[in-house]
Amino acid sequence: MSYGYSQRLVDANKEADAKSLGVTLGRLCIKHGVPVSEVARYLHVSRMTVYNWFWGVTTPTASMNNSLFSYIEKLKKRK
């Protein structure tokens, strides 16, 4: 694990609803080792907001969808 992703977070993300954009984003960030702080800066939200999305505790608002889709596509292109 990189960037401080705890095993608890990784496990919770795996169990969370994959239909959520926040959970999908979390899986990609964990896979590619993207720090939460980078995601938060890019999306102009707090780190806690990003963690809550990764956990599946909250879901991103509809107004965030375009930014999230864009960032997810950016992550998918990473090797």
C-alpha atoms as a PDB file:
ATOM      1  CA  MET A   1       0.000   0.000   0.000  1.00  0.00           C
ATOM      2  CA  SER A   2       1.178   3.454  -0.752  1.00  0.00           C
ATOM      3  CA  TYR A   3       0.328   6.933   0.415  1.00  0.00           C
ATOM      4  CA  GLY A   4      -1.029   5.753   3.708  1.00  0.00           C
ATOM      5  CA  TYR A   5      -3.909   3.640   2.472  1.00  0.00           C
ATOM      6  CA  SER A   6      -4.692   1.415   5.405  1.00  0.00           C
ATOM      7  CA  GLN A   7      -5.676  -2.187   4.896  1.00  0.00           C
ATOM      8  CA  ARG A   8      -8.990  -1.278   6.492  1.00  0.00           C
ATOM      9  CA  LEU A   9      -9.651   1.345   3.799  1.00  0.00           C
ATOM     10  CA  VAL A  10      -8.578  -1.018   1.017  1.00  0.00           C
ATOM     11  CA  ASP A  11     -10.888  -3.738   2.354  1.00  0.00           C
ATOM     12  CA  ALA A  12     -13.811  -1.326   2.796  1.00  0.00           C
ATOM     13  CA  ASN A  13     -13.298  -0.004  -0.733  1.00  0.00           C
ATOM     14  CA  LYS A  14     -13.387  -3.550  -2.126  1.00  0.00           C
ATOM     15  CA  GLU A  15     -16.652  -4.229  -0.307  1.00  0.00           C
ATOM     16  CA  ALA A  16     -18.302  -0.914  -1.210  1.00  0.00           C
ATOM     17  CA  ASP A  17     -20.783  -0.511  -4.064  1.00  0.00           C
ATOM     18  CA  ALA A  18     -18.802  -0.444  -7.300  1.00  0.00           C
ATOM     19  CA  LYS A  19     -21.578   1.604  -8.951  1.00  0.00           C
ATOM     20  CA  SER A  20     -20.489   4.663  -6.981  1.00  0.00           C
ATOM     21  CA  LEU A  21     -18.118   6.974  -8.804  1.00  0.00           C
ATOM     22  CA  GLY A  22     -16.350   7.667  -5.520  1.00  0.00           C
ATOM     23  CA  VAL A  23     -15.671   3.979  -4.946  1.00  0.00           C
ATOM     24  CA  THR A  24     -14.498   3.553  -8.537  1.00  0.00           C
ATOM     25  CA  LEU A  25     -12.192   6.514  -8.079  1.00  0.00           C
ATOM     26  CA  GLY A  26     -10.896   4.981  -4.854  1.00  0.00           C
ATOM     27  CA  ARG A  27     -10.090   1.686  -6.538  1.00  0.00           C
ATOM     28  CA  LEU A  28      -8.112   3.419  -9.254  1.00  0.00           C
ATOM     29  CA  CYS A  29      -6.253   5.627  -6.786  1.00  0.00           C
ATOM     30  CA  ILE A  30      -5.321   2.638  -4.638  1.00  0.00           C
ATOM     31  CA  LYS A  31      -4.241   0.664  -7.718  1.00  0.00           C
ATOM     32  CA  HIS A  32      -2.096   3.483  -9.090  1.00  0.00           C
ATOM     33  CA  GLY A  33      -0.843   4.800  -5.748  1.00  0.00           C
ATOM     34  CA  VAL A  34      -2.398   8.227  -6.157  1.00  0.00           C
ATOM     35  CA  PRO A  35      -2.393  10.192  -2.897  1.00  0.00           C
ATOM     36  CA  VAL A  36      -5.689  11.421  -1.515  1.00  0.00           C
ATOM     37  CA  SER A  37      -4.268  14.930  -1.273  1.00  0.00           C
ATOM     38  CA  GLU A  38      -3.697  14.977  -5.057  1.00  0.00           C
ATOM     39  CA  VAL A  39      -7.288  13.911  -5.715  1.00  0.00           C
ATOM     40  CA  ALA A  40      -8.636  16.477  -3.258  1.00  0.00           C
ATOM     41  CA  ARG A  41      -6.607  19.282  -4.844  1.00  0.00           C
ATOM     42  CA  TYR A  42      -7.656  18.318  -8.370  1.00  0.00           C
ATOM     43  CA  LEU A  43     -11.359  18.138  -7.443  1.00  0.00           C
ATOM     44  CA  HIS A  44     -11.309  21.105  -5.028  1.00  0.00           C
ATOM     45  CA  VAL A  45     -12.686  19.107  -2.097  1.00  0.00           C
ATOM     46  CA  SER A  46     -11.290  18.119   1.287  1.00  0.00           C
ATOM     47  CA  ARG A  47      -9.254  14.981   1.857  1.00  0.00           C
ATOM     48  CA  MET A  48     -11.964  13.752   4.230  1.00  0.00           C
ATOM     49  CA  THR A  49     -14.511  14.050   1.423  1.00  0.00           C
ATOM     50  CA  VAL A  50     -12.303  11.896  -0.807  1.00  0.00           C
ATOM     51  CA  TYR A  51     -11.810   9.306   1.957  1.00  0.00           C
ATOM     52  CA  ASN A  52     -15.569   9.144   2.504  1.00  0.00           C
ATOM     53  CA  TRP A  53     -16.085   8.500  -1.215  1.00  0.00           C
ATOM     54  CA  PHE A  54     -13.433   5.772  -1.191  1.00  0.00           C
ATOM     55  CA  TRP A  55     -15.105   4.105   1.819  1.00  0.00           C
ATOM     56  CA  GLY A  56     -18.521   4.378   0.189  1.00  0.00           C
ATOM     57  CA  VAL A  57     -19.790   6.369   3.191  1.00  0.00           C
ATOM     58  CA  THR A  58     -20.902   9.242   0.974  1.00  0.00           C
ATOM     59  CA  THR A  59     -21.329   9.665  -2.755  1.00  0.00           C
ATOM     60  CA  PRO A  60     -20.171  12.574  -4.863  1.00  0.00           C
ATOM     61  CA  THR A  61     -22.792  15.144  -5.737  1.00  0.00           C
ATOM     62  CA  ALA A  62     -24.162  15.229  -9.266  1.00  0.00           C
ATOM     63  CA  SER A  63     -22.349  18.517  -9.855  1.00  0.00           C
ATOM     64  CA  MET A  64     -19.050  16.623  -9.391  1.00  0.00           C
ATOM     65  CA  ASN A  65     -19.781  14.018 -12.076  1.00  0.00           C
ATOM     66  CA  ASN A  66     -17.998  15.702 -14.989  1.00  0.00           C
ATOM     67  CA  SER A  67     -14.882  16.359 -12.913  1.00  0.00           C
ATOM     68  CA  LEU A  68     -14.922  12.810 -11.567  1.00  0.00           C
ATOM     69  CA  PHE A  69     -15.360  11.232 -15.002  1.00  0.00           C
ATOM     70  CA  SER A  70     -12.492  13.346 -16.289  1.00  0.00           C
ATOM     71  CA  TYR A  71     -10.196  12.389 -13.420  1.00  0.00           C
ATOM     72  CA  ILE A  72     -11.135   8.703 -13.651  1.00  0.00           C
ATOM     73  CA  GLU A  73     -10.295   8.689 -17.362  1.00  0.00           C
ATOM     74  CA  LYS A  74      -6.983  10.369 -16.565  1.00  0.00           C
ATOM     75  CA  LEU A  75      -6.184   7.627 -14.035  1.00  0.00           C
ATOM     76  CA  LYS A  76      -7.172   4.831 -16.423  1.00  0.00           C
ATOM     77  CA  LYS A  77      -4.530   6.087 -18.863  1.00  0.00           C
ATOM     78  CA  ARG A  78      -1.764   5.769 -16.237  1.00  0.00           C
ATOM     79  CA  LYS A  79       0.451   2.743 -16.522  1.00  0.00           C
END
